[in-house]
Amino acid sequence: MLLTFASGAYFPLGLFPHWVATLARVNPVAIALHGMRNALIGGAGWGAIGPDVLLLVPMAVASVSLGVIAFRLALSRELRLGTLGLY
């Protein structure tokens, strides 16, 4: 919810304090919204949204990798404790 709130989806980032705008530059939701707005409303092509896509791809790879690692750790913990069948 914080990522969505600080992405400019509901309010323009200019209304927030400077530190929120600084965080929005690395917020994946804000980057995706910026690219979608440029493509859908601004009529920008792939060349204009390319930098946004290049920022999102490593973030997506890192996010999925961390999710897989966290899932494997949780699964191995539950198997070790013998509580997997309780769920």
C-alpha atoms as a PDB file:
ATOM      1  CA  MET A   1       0.000   0.000   0.000  1.00  0.00           C
ATOM      2  CA  LEU A   2       2.865   2.356   0.747  1.00  0.00           C
ATOM      3  CA  LEU A   3       4.375   1.718  -2.670  1.00  0.00           C
ATOM      4  CA  THR A   4       1.084   2.582  -4.351  1.00  0.00           C
ATOM      5  CA  PHE A   5       0.500   5.648  -2.192  1.00  0.00           C
ATOM      6  CA  ALA A   6       4.013   6.986  -2.862  1.00  0.00           C
ATOM      7  CA  SER A   7       3.845   6.272  -6.593  1.00  0.00           C
ATOM      8  CA  GLY A   8       1.744   9.194  -7.728  1.00  0.00           C
ATOM      9  CA  ALA A   9      -1.216   6.978  -8.580  1.00  0.00           C
ATOM     10  CA  TYR A  10      -3.637   8.865  -6.346  1.00  0.00           C
ATOM     11  CA  PHE A  11      -1.959  12.240  -5.848  1.00  0.00           C
ATOM     12  CA  PRO A  12       0.669  14.104  -7.887  1.00  0.00           C
ATOM     13  CA  LEU A  13       4.132  13.667  -6.416  1.00  0.00           C
ATOM     14  CA  GLY A  14       4.566  17.440  -6.394  1.00  0.00           C
ATOM     15  CA  LEU A  15       2.138  17.660  -3.473  1.00  0.00           C
ATOM     16  CA  PHE A  16       4.285  15.419  -1.283  1.00  0.00           C
ATOM     17  CA  PRO A  17       7.442  16.403   0.588  1.00  0.00           C
ATOM     18  CA  HIS A  18      10.728  16.252  -1.306  1.00  0.00           C
ATOM     19  CA  TRP A  19      11.799  12.986   0.321  1.00  0.00           C
ATOM     20  CA  VAL A  20       8.705  11.195  -1.052  1.00  0.00           C
ATOM     21  CA  ALA A  21       9.564  12.325  -4.575  1.00  0.00           C
ATOM     22  CA  THR A  22      13.094  11.051  -4.014  1.00  0.00           C
ATOM     23  CA  LEU A  23      11.763   7.642  -2.940  1.00  0.00           C
ATOM     24  CA  ALA A  24       9.395   7.585  -5.928  1.00  0.00           C
ATOM     25  CA  ARG A  25      12.368   7.531  -8.301  1.00  0.00           C
ATOM     26  CA  VAL A  26      13.236   4.011  -7.094  1.00  0.00           C
ATOM     27  CA  ASN A  27       9.633   2.880  -6.517  1.00  0.00           C
ATOM     28  CA  PRO A  28       8.809   0.190  -9.108  1.00  0.00           C
ATOM     29  CA  VAL A  29       5.108   1.113  -9.085  1.00  0.00           C
ATOM     30  CA  ALA A  30       5.936   4.754  -9.868  1.00  0.00           C
ATOM     31  CA  ILE A  31       8.295   3.727 -12.664  1.00  0.00           C
ATOM     32  CA  ALA A  32       5.638   1.449 -14.197  1.00  0.00           C
ATOM     33  CA  LEU A  33       2.967   4.145 -13.908  1.00  0.00           C
ATOM     34  CA  HIS A  34       5.244   6.698 -15.548  1.00  0.00           C
ATOM     35  CA  GLY A  35       5.895   4.371 -18.473  1.00  0.00           C
ATOM     36  CA  MET A  36       2.224   3.438 -18.870  1.00  0.00           C
ATOM     37  CA  ARG A  37       1.106   7.064 -18.767  1.00  0.00           C
ATOM     38  CA  ASN A  38       3.664   8.013 -21.391  1.00  0.00           C
ATOM     39  CA  ALA A  39       2.645   5.138 -23.646  1.00  0.00           C
ATOM     40  CA  LEU A  40      -1.131   5.337 -23.237  1.00  0.00           C
ATOM     41  CA  ILE A  41      -1.795   9.037 -22.763  1.00  0.00           C
ATOM     42  CA  GLY A  42       1.313  10.621 -24.245  1.00  0.00           C
ATOM     43  CA  GLY A  43       1.478   8.357 -27.272  1.00  0.00           C
ATOM     44  CA  ALA A  44       5.142   7.546 -26.627  1.00  0.00           C
ATOM     45  CA  GLY A  45       6.668   4.586 -28.396  1.00  0.00           C
ATOM     46  CA  TRP A  46       9.011   1.874 -27.213  1.00  0.00           C
ATOM     47  CA  GLY A  47      11.979   4.203 -27.489  1.00  0.00           C
ATOM     48  CA  ALA A  48      10.523   6.624 -24.956  1.00  0.00           C
ATOM     49  CA  ILE A  49       9.508   3.984 -22.422  1.00  0.00           C
ATOM     50  CA  GLY A  50      12.638   1.893 -22.918  1.00  0.00           C
ATOM     51  CA  PRO A  51      14.480   3.398 -19.920  1.00  0.00           C
ATOM     52  CA  ASP A  52      11.509   2.607 -17.671  1.00  0.00           C
ATOM     53  CA  VAL A  53      11.444  -0.993 -18.907  1.00  0.00           C
ATOM     54  CA  LEU A  54      15.210  -1.306 -18.407  1.00  0.00           C
ATOM     55  CA  LEU A  55      14.778  -0.194 -14.798  1.00  0.00           C
ATOM     56  CA  LEU A  56      11.886  -2.569 -14.130  1.00  0.00           C
ATOM     57  CA  VAL A  57      13.464  -5.745 -15.536  1.00  0.00           C
ATOM     58  CA  PRO A  58      16.261  -6.044 -12.920  1.00  0.00           C
ATOM     59  CA  MET A  59      13.791  -5.117 -10.169  1.00  0.00           C
ATOM     60  CA  ALA A  60      11.442  -7.872 -11.327  1.00  0.00           C
ATOM     61  CA  VAL A  61      14.251 -10.440 -11.525  1.00  0.00           C
ATOM     62  CA  ALA A  62      15.453  -9.520  -8.031  1.00  0.00           C
ATOM     63  CA  SER A  63      11.916  -9.623  -6.635  1.00  0.00           C
ATOM     64  CA  VAL A  64      11.122 -13.036  -8.091  1.00  0.00           C
ATOM     65  CA  SER A  65      14.513 -14.401  -7.006  1.00  0.00           C
ATOM     66  CA  LEU A  66      14.014 -13.199  -3.430  1.00  0.00           C
ATOM     67  CA  GLY A  67      10.501 -14.652  -3.428  1.00  0.00           C
ATOM     68  CA  VAL A  68      11.733 -18.054  -4.582  1.00  0.00           C
ATOM     69  CA  ILE A  69      14.494 -18.042  -1.962  1.00  0.00           C
ATOM     70  CA  ALA A  70      12.053 -17.050   0.791  1.00  0.00           C
ATOM     71  CA  PHE A  71       9.599 -19.756  -0.297  1.00  0.00           C
ATOM     72  CA  ARG A  72      12.284 -22.436  -0.330  1.00  0.00           C
ATOM     73  CA  LEU A  73      13.512 -21.398   3.114  1.00  0.00           C
ATOM     74  CA  ALA A  74       9.975 -21.451   4.516  1.00  0.00           C
ATOM     75  CA  LEU A  75       9.222 -24.802   2.909  1.00  0.00           C
ATOM     76  CA  SER A  76      12.414 -26.377   4.209  1.00  0.00           C
ATOM     77  CA  ARG A  77      11.655 -25.035   7.697  1.00  0.00           C
ATOM     78  CA  GLU A  78       8.153 -26.512   7.655  1.00  0.00           C
ATOM     79  CA  LEU A  79       9.437 -29.834   6.361  1.00  0.00           C
ATOM     80  CA  ARG A  80      12.129 -29.876   9.056  1.00  0.00           C
ATOM     81  CA  LEU A  81       9.598 -29.094  11.806  1.00  0.00           C
ATOM     82  CA  GLY A  82       7.053 -31.548  10.417  1.00  0.00           C
ATOM     83  CA  THR A  83       4.265 -28.959  10.392  1.00  0.00           C
ATOM     84  CA  LEU A  84       3.616 -28.837   6.654  1.00  0.00           C
ATOM     85  CA  GLY A  85       0.579 -31.105   6.934  1.00  0.00           C
ATOM     86  CA  LEU A  86      -1.089 -28.819   9.456  1.00  0.00           C
ATOM     87  CA  TYR A  87      -2.003 -26.222   6.853  1.00  0.00           C
END
